[in-house]
Amino acid sequence: MVTMHATIRAACLGDLEHILAEYGEAIRNLPLEESANLLSRPYDKFKSAVENGLFFVVENAVGNFMAGAGVFDLADPSEKELGMCYVKKEWRGFGLQTLLLQIRICAATLGQVRDRSTNRSYAALIIGVKPANEHSAVNTVEIGFEPLSTPSAALFAACAYCRTPPALASERKCCCDFFYLSDERRADAIEKSLQMEHWSRTKNDNQLIVALKIRHLLDMDFRNALQDAVCELRSLNKPSAMRSYGE
């Protein structure tokens, strides 16, 4: 068996152009049915995610880009969107999309405070997936996301930058289906991340081990804050509120 090593970390401002170049190359060179799954964001939104420590990259042992994904603030402050996920073709099958989901769920939860004017303690985490992207849909559902039948208007802002909008005859407002994460499943995902020492998956006798160079999983204060969030998410016990959000 061949063992390969990689690292996942938060992107910094010095990574901006390199990351955009990787995405740009994918859009130019991948078949349209694949590149259409790369849901772009305006530069200022992307830069803001990086500045806020909410965009993550996976790199191999020599620092080459393998995958990336971010968390984006929406016009509605009660929602955050997980988006812009891209795993290079040669690195698919090692679960990197799932790893990026777990890392982003943790990062998006940190720093949020309870809004006592509503029945929600944390901004809702939402993800959009094109119906044809079955692999991503499966990963999304497996980690705990549920269909969101009534997306808010804020989620459609990115449609202005979509390269493959739905056909007029389809009667779809957006080319994506939207999913949200309940408090209980968010707690599960955070707890699972806190238990990880590294990420390891095997494909065709090739083992990939990803070191977690993620501050919120290494710094004890951040870990304690995440564990507190797990306890609060579970103690709220408000499934009816989450069901109404998704209906």
Protein backbone atom coordinates (compact mmCIF):
# COMPACT_ATOMS: atom_id res chain seq x y z
CA MET A 1 0.00 0.00 0.00
CA VAL A 2 1.20 3.50 -0.87
CA THR A 3 0.78 6.10 1.88
CA MET A 4 0.41 9.76 0.92
CA HIS A 5 0.34 12.75 3.24
CA ALA A 6 -1.57 16.01 3.04
CA THR A 7 -2.65 18.93 5.22
CA ILE A 8 -5.87 20.86 5.68
CA ARG A 9 -5.59 24.47 6.86
CA ALA A 10 -7.34 27.81 6.73
CA ALA A 11 -6.38 29.82 3.66
CA CYS A 12 -4.63 33.17 4.11
CA LEU A 13 -4.66 36.30 1.97
CA GLY A 14 -1.46 35.18 0.27
CA ASP A 15 -3.37 32.18 -1.12
CA LEU A 16 -6.10 34.20 -2.87
CA GLU A 17 -4.72 34.31 -6.40
CA HIS A 18 -3.44 30.75 -6.32
CA ILE A 19 -6.81 29.38 -5.20
CA LEU A 20 -8.69 31.40 -7.81
CA ALA A 21 -6.26 30.12 -10.45
CA GLU A 22 -7.06 26.52 -9.48
CA TYR A 23 -10.79 27.18 -9.75
CA GLY A 24 -10.33 29.07 -13.00
CA GLU A 25 -8.36 26.19 -14.51
CA ALA A 26 -11.10 23.75 -13.49
CA ILE A 27 -13.80 25.90 -15.09
CA ARG A 28 -11.81 26.13 -18.32
CA ASN A 29 -10.73 22.52 -18.61
CA LEU A 30 -13.38 20.32 -17.01
CA PRO A 31 -16.40 19.20 -19.02
CA LEU A 32 -19.34 21.57 -18.49
CA GLU A 33 -21.32 18.96 -16.55
CA GLU A 34 -18.47 18.86 -14.02
CA SER A 35 -17.41 22.50 -13.97
CA ALA A 36 -21.04 23.53 -13.51
CA ASN A 37 -20.81 22.13 -10.00
CA LEU A 38 -18.26 24.83 -9.09
CA LEU A 39 -20.61 27.49 -7.78
CA SER A 40 -18.55 30.67 -7.91
CA ARG A 41 -18.74 33.63 -5.54
CA PRO A 42 -17.85 37.29 -6.19
CA TYR A 43 -14.25 38.13 -5.37
CA ASP A 44 -15.19 40.27 -2.37
CA LYS A 45 -17.25 37.45 -0.84
CA PHE A 46 -14.42 34.99 -1.40
CA LYS A 47 -11.85 37.39 0.06
CA SER A 48 -14.08 38.03 3.07
CA ALA A 49 -14.34 34.28 3.74
CA VAL A 50 -10.55 34.02 3.66
CA GLU A 51 -10.11 37.05 5.92
CA ASN A 52 -12.55 35.56 8.43
CA GLY A 53 -10.72 32.21 8.50
CA LEU A 54 -13.66 30.51 6.78
CA PHE A 55 -12.04 29.19 3.61
CA PHE A 56 -10.04 25.97 3.82
CA VAL A 57 -7.60 24.23 1.52
CA VAL A 58 -6.20 20.72 1.40
CA GLU A 59 -2.63 20.50 0.10
CA ASN A 60 -0.33 17.59 -0.62
CA ALA A 61 3.11 17.10 0.94
CA VAL A 62 4.75 19.63 -1.40
CA GLY A 63 2.03 22.26 -1.00
CA ASN A 64 0.03 21.64 -4.17
CA PHE A 65 -3.71 22.38 -4.07
CA MET A 66 -5.92 19.30 -3.74
CA ALA A 67 -9.28 20.70 -2.57
CA GLY A 68 -10.92 23.79 -1.15
CA ALA A 69 -14.21 25.08 0.24
CA GLY A 70 -15.60 27.99 2.24
CA VAL A 71 -18.33 29.40 4.45
CA PHE A 72 -20.08 32.54 3.22
CA ASP A 73 -22.12 35.14 5.07
CA LEU A 74 -25.50 35.88 3.53
CA ALA A 75 -27.57 39.05 3.50
CA ASP A 76 -29.75 37.35 6.09
CA PRO A 77 -27.52 37.16 9.21
CA SER A 78 -29.47 34.17 10.49
CA GLU A 79 -28.00 32.03 7.69
CA LYS A 80 -24.56 30.98 6.47
CA GLU A 81 -23.91 29.06 3.27
CA LEU A 82 -21.30 26.36 2.81
CA GLY A 83 -20.13 26.65 -0.76
CA MET A 84 -17.42 26.75 -3.41
CA CYS A 85 -16.31 23.18 -2.74
CA TYR A 86 -13.87 21.74 -5.28
CA VAL A 87 -11.88 18.51 -5.08
CA LYS A 88 -9.41 17.95 -7.93
CA LYS A 89 -10.22 14.86 -9.95
CA GLU A 90 -7.11 12.91 -8.99
CA TRP A 91 -7.96 13.30 -5.29
CA ARG A 92 -11.60 12.26 -5.40
CA GLY A 93 -12.60 9.13 -3.51
CA PHE A 94 -10.68 9.98 -0.33
CA GLY A 95 -13.62 11.68 1.38
CA LEU A 96 -12.15 15.18 1.16
CA GLN A 97 -15.56 16.73 0.54
CA THR A 98 -16.85 15.19 3.76
CA LEU A 99 -13.75 16.37 5.62
CA LEU A 100 -14.28 19.91 4.32
CA LEU A 101 -17.93 19.77 5.40
CA GLN A 102 -17.01 18.76 8.95
CA ILE A 103 -14.29 21.41 9.24
CA ARG A 104 -16.60 24.15 7.95
CA ILE A 105 -19.43 23.16 10.29
CA CYS A 106 -17.05 23.68 13.22
CA ALA A 107 -15.65 26.95 11.90
CA ALA A 108 -19.07 28.38 11.09
CA THR A 109 -20.30 27.61 14.60
CA LEU A 110 -17.46 29.34 16.45
CA GLY A 111 -18.02 32.97 17.32
CA GLN A 112 -21.79 32.78 17.03
CA VAL A 113 -23.85 33.91 19.99
CA ARG A 114 -27.36 33.04 21.02
CA ASP A 115 -30.05 35.34 19.59
CA ARG A 116 -32.61 35.54 22.36
CA SER A 117 -35.08 37.40 20.14
CA THR A 118 -35.63 34.20 18.14
CA ASN A 119 -35.80 30.51 18.87
CA ARG A 120 -32.41 29.96 17.24
CA SER A 121 -29.02 30.00 18.90
CA TYR A 122 -26.84 29.74 15.78
CA ALA A 123 -27.10 30.88 12.20
CA ALA A 124 -28.57 28.14 10.04
CA LEU A 125 -26.00 26.27 7.95
CA ILE A 126 -27.19 25.78 4.38
CA ILE A 127 -25.67 24.17 1.32
CA GLY A 128 -26.77 24.18 -2.33
CA VAL A 129 -26.20 21.14 -4.56
CA LYS A 130 -27.08 20.71 -8.21
CA PRO A 131 -29.47 17.76 -8.69
CA ALA A 132 -27.12 16.13 -11.19
CA ASN A 133 -24.27 16.17 -8.67
CA GLU A 134 -25.38 12.95 -7.01
CA HIS A 135 -22.09 12.27 -5.22
CA SER A 136 -22.16 15.63 -3.45
CA ALA A 137 -25.82 15.17 -2.58
CA VAL A 138 -25.05 11.81 -0.97
CA ASN A 139 -22.16 13.29 1.06
CA THR A 140 -24.35 16.18 2.15
CA VAL A 141 -27.16 13.95 3.35
CA GLU A 142 -24.83 11.45 5.03
CA ILE A 143 -23.34 14.14 7.25
CA GLY A 144 -26.85 15.14 8.32
CA PHE A 145 -28.18 17.86 6.01
CA GLU A 146 -31.89 17.73 5.21
CA PRO A 147 -33.83 19.17 2.24
CA LEU A 148 -34.84 22.80 2.61
CA SER A 149 -38.07 23.26 0.71
CA THR A 150 -38.48 27.02 1.24
CA PRO A 151 -35.09 28.73 0.75
CA SER A 152 -34.85 32.37 1.77
CA ALA A 153 -34.32 35.11 -0.79
CA ALA A 154 -30.74 35.60 0.43
CA LEU A 155 -29.75 32.21 -0.98
CA PHE A 156 -30.54 33.31 -4.52
CA ALA A 157 -28.08 36.21 -4.55
CA ALA A 158 -25.35 33.94 -5.94
CA CYS A 159 -27.57 33.07 -8.92
CA ALA A 160 -26.41 36.27 -10.61
CA TYR A 161 -22.97 34.64 -11.00
CA CYS A 162 -24.20 31.20 -12.12
CA ARG A 163 -22.81 29.94 -15.43
CA THR A 164 -25.52 27.29 -15.88
CA PRO A 165 -28.85 28.78 -14.80
CA PRO A 166 -31.96 26.60 -15.10
CA ALA A 167 -33.83 26.64 -18.39
CA LEU A 168 -36.84 28.94 -18.40
CA ALA A 169 -39.10 25.99 -19.18
CA SER A 170 -37.94 24.15 -16.04
CA GLU A 171 -39.80 26.53 -13.71
CA ARG A 172 -36.88 26.25 -11.27
CA LYS A 173 -35.87 29.47 -9.54
CA CYS A 174 -32.36 28.11 -8.94
CA CYS A 175 -30.34 25.28 -10.45
CA CYS A 176 -29.52 24.00 -6.94
CA ASP A 177 -31.44 22.08 -4.34
CA PHE A 178 -30.87 23.47 -0.85
CA PHE A 179 -30.21 21.56 2.38
CA TYR A 180 -29.96 22.69 6.01
CA LEU A 181 -28.35 21.15 9.09
CA SER A 182 -30.40 20.60 12.24
CA ASP A 183 -28.96 21.50 15.64
CA GLU A 184 -28.68 17.84 16.65
CA ARG A 185 -26.82 16.81 13.51
CA ARG A 186 -24.58 19.87 13.79
CA ALA A 187 -23.66 18.75 17.30
CA ASP A 188 -22.88 15.26 15.94
CA ALA A 189 -20.60 16.66 13.22
CA ILE A 190 -18.72 18.92 15.65
CA GLU A 191 -18.25 16.12 18.15
CA LYS A 192 -16.92 13.82 15.44
CA SER A 193 -14.43 16.48 14.37
CA LEU A 194 -13.25 16.98 17.95
CA GLN A 195 -12.51 13.26 18.17
CA MET A 196 -10.33 13.22 15.04
CA GLU A 197 -6.55 13.16 15.31
CA HIS A 198 -6.21 13.19 11.53
CA TRP A 199 -8.19 12.19 8.44
CA SER A 200 -7.36 8.89 6.76
CA ARG A 201 -9.01 7.15 3.80
CA THR A 202 -7.87 4.40 1.43
CA LYS A 203 -8.68 4.03 -2.28
CA ASN A 204 -7.22 1.37 -4.57
CA ASP A 205 -4.42 0.49 -2.13
CA ASN A 206 -3.52 4.18 -1.77
CA GLN A 207 -3.85 5.59 1.72
CA LEU A 208 -4.21 9.34 2.18
CA ILE A 209 -3.52 10.78 5.64
CA VAL A 210 -4.52 14.41 6.12
CA ALA A 211 -3.02 16.33 9.05
CA LEU A 212 -5.49 18.72 10.66
CA LYS A 213 -3.67 22.06 10.84
CA ILE A 214 -6.88 23.74 11.91
CA ARG A 215 -6.73 26.21 14.77
CA HIS A 216 -10.21 25.45 16.08
CA LEU A 217 -9.24 21.79 16.45
CA LEU A 218 -5.76 22.44 17.90
CA ASP A 219 -6.25 25.36 20.28
CA MET A 220 -7.72 24.25 23.62
CA ASP A 221 -9.82 27.41 24.01
CA PHE A 222 -11.43 26.83 20.64
CA ARG A 223 -11.97 23.15 21.39
CA ASN A 224 -13.63 24.04 24.68
CA ALA A 225 -15.86 26.56 22.89
CA LEU A 226 -16.90 23.89 20.38
CA GLN A 227 -17.61 21.39 23.14
CA ASP A 228 -19.77 24.01 24.87
CA ALA A 229 -21.60 24.50 21.58
CA VAL A 230 -22.25 20.75 21.35
CA CYS A 231 -23.77 20.77 24.83
CA GLU A 232 -25.94 23.79 24.06
CA LEU A 233 -27.11 22.46 20.71
CA ARG A 234 -28.21 19.24 22.35
CA SER A 235 -29.78 20.87 25.39
CA LEU A 236 -31.95 23.19 23.32
CA ASN A 237 -34.04 20.21 22.22
CA LYS A 238 -36.10 22.13 19.72
CA PRO A 239 -36.73 19.73 16.80
CA SER A 240 -40.07 21.35 16.05
CA ALA A 241 -38.36 24.68 15.39
CA MET A 242 -35.88 23.05 13.04
CA ARG A 243 -38.64 21.20 11.20
CA SER A 244 -40.52 24.44 10.65
CA TYR A 245 -37.31 25.99 9.25
CA GLY A 246 -37.05 23.26 6.64
CA GLU A 247 -40.71 23.19 5.67
